[in-house]
Amino acid sequence: AILVTGALTKTTNGTVTLTGNTTSAGALTVSAGSLVITGSGAQYKTLSGGANINDGSSVTVSNGGAFNTGQTTGDLNIGNNTSGASITVTGAGSTLTQGANLRVGTNTSASGNSLTISNGATASTFIFYIAQGNNLTTPTANTVTITGAGSALTVSNVFEPFDSGSGGILSVLNGGTLNTLNGTNYMGYYGNSK
């Protein structure tokens, strides 16, 4: 097991592969290259601060791995004012858990960011956004795909896709499931939304 006593930031290209249990006391930031969490028993967990995936970087959770940013003190941002960031959760038993906000594409410069849940993997979050901005900003071309039997995204509180415009695509395909448990759902919250 690896315990990081503060925040952890990956700033160089290349791939870091985790096959055991890793915990960081602070936030995770991936700003370059790839982080892979793979295999049953492999887990990355943040205790506070959430996680930021930025600037064309990626996180892949596969083969029963777990990515847990599930504390309520930090958000999981896939592309906050950046482009081309991605998280892929794939394979039965692979999980993504977030206890606060999960955002795919946030603020004006957020474009081409993605979340993919496939092949029986699951993800859960308290609040969920695609293309979050405000009435002055419009993220573009951010995508969420849930595909394959057993694949599921569960939102326990607020579900708010296309928050600030037509900057998001949500696809549920091939037996995938989207569960919104609270019933608080907004499509295009701000007036400039399409």
Protein backbone atom coordinates (compact mmCIF):
# COMPACT_ATOMS: atom_id res chain seq x y z
CA ALA A 1 0.00 0.00 0.00
CA ILE A 2 1.09 3.58 -0.67
CA LEU A 3 0.08 6.49 1.58
CA VAL A 4 0.65 10.04 0.31
CA THR A 5 0.50 12.45 3.25
CA GLY A 6 -0.42 15.49 1.11
CA ALA A 7 -1.71 16.20 -2.38
CA LEU A 8 -0.44 14.22 -5.38
CA THR A 9 0.20 15.85 -8.78
CA LYS A 10 1.23 14.12 -12.00
CA THR A 11 2.75 16.66 -14.40
CA THR A 12 4.80 14.60 -16.87
CA ASN A 13 3.89 12.43 -19.86
CA GLY A 14 3.93 8.67 -19.65
CA THR A 15 1.77 6.21 -17.74
CA VAL A 16 1.63 5.43 -14.04
CA THR A 17 -0.03 2.07 -13.35
CA LEU A 18 -1.38 1.22 -9.89
CA THR A 19 -2.16 -2.39 -9.01
CA GLY A 20 -2.41 -2.03 -5.22
CA ASN A 21 -4.01 0.26 -2.67
CA THR A 22 -2.99 3.95 -2.83
CA THR A 23 -4.37 6.72 -0.60
CA SER A 24 -3.64 10.44 -0.69
CA ALA A 25 -4.55 12.79 2.14
CA GLY A 26 -5.02 15.67 -0.32
CA ALA A 27 -6.27 16.21 -3.84
CA LEU A 28 -5.12 14.31 -6.91
CA THR A 29 -4.23 16.32 -10.02
CA VAL A 30 -3.36 14.66 -13.33
CA SER A 31 -2.14 17.30 -15.79
CA ALA A 32 -0.21 15.14 -18.25
CA GLY A 33 -0.02 11.53 -19.34
CA SER A 34 -2.11 8.69 -17.97
CA LEU A 35 -3.01 7.12 -14.64
CA VAL A 36 -4.17 3.48 -14.79
CA ILE A 37 -5.82 1.71 -11.86
CA THR A 38 -6.21 -1.93 -12.76
CA GLY A 39 -7.01 -5.26 -11.17
CA SER A 40 -9.16 -6.50 -8.33
CA GLY A 41 -7.94 -4.86 -5.12
CA ALA A 42 -6.37 -1.92 -6.94
CA GLN A 43 -7.70 1.36 -5.56
CA TYR A 44 -6.85 5.04 -5.59
CA LYS A 45 -8.59 6.99 -2.81
CA THR A 46 -8.43 10.68 -1.90
CA LEU A 47 -9.28 11.57 1.69
CA SER A 48 -9.94 15.25 0.92
CA GLY A 49 -9.72 17.71 -1.93
CA GLY A 50 -11.19 15.51 -4.68
CA ALA A 51 -9.43 15.22 -8.04
CA ASN A 52 -8.73 17.26 -11.18
CA ILE A 53 -8.06 15.62 -14.53
CA ASN A 54 -6.77 18.25 -16.98
CA ASP A 55 -5.07 19.11 -20.26
CA GLY A 56 -5.45 15.97 -22.36
CA SER A 57 -4.58 13.63 -19.51
CA SER A 58 -6.49 10.45 -18.71
CA VAL A 59 -7.46 8.06 -15.94
CA THR A 60 -8.43 4.47 -16.73
CA VAL A 61 -10.02 2.16 -14.16
CA SER A 62 -10.21 -1.45 -15.35
CA ASN A 63 -10.44 -5.12 -14.42
CA GLY A 64 -12.08 -4.53 -11.04
CA GLY A 65 -10.08 -1.46 -10.02
CA ALA A 66 -11.57 1.38 -7.96
CA PHE A 67 -11.17 5.18 -8.14
CA ASN A 68 -12.63 6.72 -5.01
CA THR A 69 -12.77 10.50 -4.69
CA GLY A 70 -15.82 9.95 -2.57
CA GLN A 71 -15.28 12.42 0.24
CA THR A 72 -17.68 15.36 0.51
CA THR A 73 -14.88 17.96 0.80
CA GLY A 74 -13.72 17.96 -2.82
CA ASP A 75 -15.06 17.63 -6.35
CA LEU A 76 -14.02 15.48 -9.28
CA ASN A 77 -13.42 17.72 -12.31
CA ILE A 78 -12.77 16.21 -15.73
CA GLY A 79 -11.57 19.24 -17.67
CA ASN A 80 -11.86 22.45 -15.64
CA ASN A 81 -11.12 25.16 -18.22
CA THR A 82 -9.05 22.58 -20.11
CA SER A 83 -9.61 20.28 -23.08
CA GLY A 84 -9.20 16.61 -23.89
CA ALA A 85 -9.27 15.19 -20.35
CA SER A 86 -10.89 11.81 -19.85
CA ILE A 87 -11.85 9.11 -17.38
CA THR A 88 -12.70 5.59 -18.57
CA VAL A 89 -14.16 3.03 -16.18
CA THR A 90 -14.41 -0.36 -17.84
CA GLY A 91 -15.11 -3.96 -16.93
CA ALA A 92 -17.30 -5.68 -14.37
CA GLY A 93 -16.34 -4.72 -10.82
CA SER A 94 -14.57 -1.51 -11.84
CA THR A 95 -15.93 1.49 -9.95
CA LEU A 96 -15.77 5.28 -9.74
CA THR A 97 -17.12 6.87 -6.54
CA GLN A 98 -17.51 10.60 -5.89
CA GLY A 99 -19.23 12.03 -2.81
CA ALA A 100 -19.69 15.64 -3.93
CA ASN A 101 -19.77 17.09 -7.48
CA LEU A 102 -18.70 15.23 -10.59
CA ARG A 103 -18.20 17.63 -13.50
CA VAL A 104 -17.39 16.80 -17.11
CA GLY A 105 -16.33 20.06 -18.76
CA THR A 106 -16.38 23.18 -16.61
CA ASN A 107 -16.06 26.85 -17.67
CA THR A 108 -15.45 28.53 -21.01
CA SER A 109 -12.35 26.70 -22.26
CA ALA A 110 -13.60 23.22 -21.37
CA SER A 111 -13.95 21.24 -24.60
CA GLY A 112 -13.62 17.65 -25.68
CA ASN A 113 -13.58 16.20 -22.16
CA SER A 114 -15.17 12.81 -21.53
CA LEU A 115 -16.38 10.19 -19.09
CA THR A 116 -16.94 6.64 -20.36
CA ILE A 117 -18.50 3.84 -18.29
CA SER A 118 -18.47 0.53 -20.15
CA ASN A 119 -18.55 -3.26 -20.08
CA GLY A 120 -20.31 -3.60 -16.74
CA ALA A 121 -18.45 -0.88 -14.80
CA THR A 122 -20.31 1.46 -12.45
CA ALA A 123 -19.98 5.05 -11.25
CA SER A 124 -21.79 7.02 -8.54
CA THR A 125 -21.87 10.65 -7.46
CA PHE A 126 -23.87 13.04 -5.29
CA ILE A 127 -24.25 15.81 -7.92
CA PHE A 128 -23.52 15.47 -11.64
CA TYR A 129 -22.85 18.08 -14.34
CA ILE A 130 -22.00 18.00 -18.03
CA ALA A 131 -20.80 21.29 -19.51
CA GLN A 132 -21.10 23.40 -16.38
CA GLY A 133 -20.65 27.13 -16.79
CA ASN A 134 -22.86 30.07 -15.96
CA ASN A 135 -24.91 32.50 -17.97
CA LEU A 136 -21.71 33.98 -19.42
CA THR A 137 -19.73 30.83 -20.25
CA THR A 138 -20.48 27.88 -22.50
CA PRO A 139 -18.27 24.78 -22.47
CA THR A 140 -18.29 22.79 -25.73
CA ALA A 141 -18.21 19.16 -26.94
CA ASN A 142 -18.01 17.36 -23.59
CA THR A 143 -19.34 13.80 -23.59
CA VAL A 144 -20.59 11.14 -21.19
CA THR A 145 -21.14 7.59 -22.48
CA ILE A 146 -22.67 4.71 -20.51
CA THR A 147 -22.55 1.55 -22.60
CA GLY A 148 -22.92 -2.19 -22.16
CA ALA A 149 -25.01 -4.47 -19.99
CA GLY A 150 -24.47 -3.78 -16.30
CA SER A 151 -22.80 -0.41 -16.90
CA ALA A 152 -24.41 2.28 -14.77
CA LEU A 153 -24.12 5.85 -13.53
CA THR A 154 -26.04 6.60 -10.32
CA VAL A 155 -26.69 10.21 -9.23
CA SER A 156 -28.06 10.43 -5.69
CA ASN A 157 -28.93 14.15 -5.61
CA VAL A 158 -28.89 16.71 -8.46
CA PHE A 159 -28.56 15.65 -12.10
CA GLU A 160 -27.75 18.67 -14.31
CA PRO A 161 -26.57 17.93 -17.84
CA PHE A 162 -26.09 20.76 -20.35
CA ASP A 163 -25.92 23.32 -17.54
CA SER A 164 -24.88 26.25 -19.69
CA GLY A 165 -25.60 25.45 -23.29
CA SER A 166 -25.32 22.80 -25.96
CA GLY A 167 -21.82 21.86 -24.84
CA GLY A 168 -22.50 18.27 -23.81
CA ILE A 169 -23.60 14.91 -25.18
CA LEU A 170 -25.04 12.19 -22.95
CA SER A 171 -25.34 8.69 -24.48
CA VAL A 172 -26.83 5.63 -22.75
CA LEU A 173 -26.35 2.63 -25.06
CA ASN A 174 -26.44 -1.16 -25.36
CA GLY A 175 -28.05 -1.91 -21.99
CA GLY A 176 -26.32 0.82 -19.99
CA THR A 177 -28.28 2.53 -17.21
CA LEU A 178 -28.59 6.05 -15.80
CA ASN A 179 -30.15 6.20 -12.32
CA THR A 180 -31.24 9.55 -10.85
CA LEU A 181 -32.47 8.88 -7.33
CA ASN A 182 -33.50 12.28 -5.99
CA GLY A 183 -35.68 13.50 -8.83
CA THR A 184 -33.96 16.93 -8.95
CA ASN A 185 -33.07 17.08 -12.63
CA TYR A 186 -32.26 20.15 -14.74
CA MET A 187 -31.70 20.22 -18.49
CA GLY A 188 -30.02 23.48 -19.49
CA TYR A 189 -30.26 25.52 -16.28
CA TYR A 190 -29.26 28.91 -17.72
CA GLY A 191 -31.27 30.86 -20.25
CA ASN A 192 -28.65 30.69 -23.00
CA SER A 193 -28.86 26.90 -23.04
CA LYS A 194 -29.99 25.08 -26.16
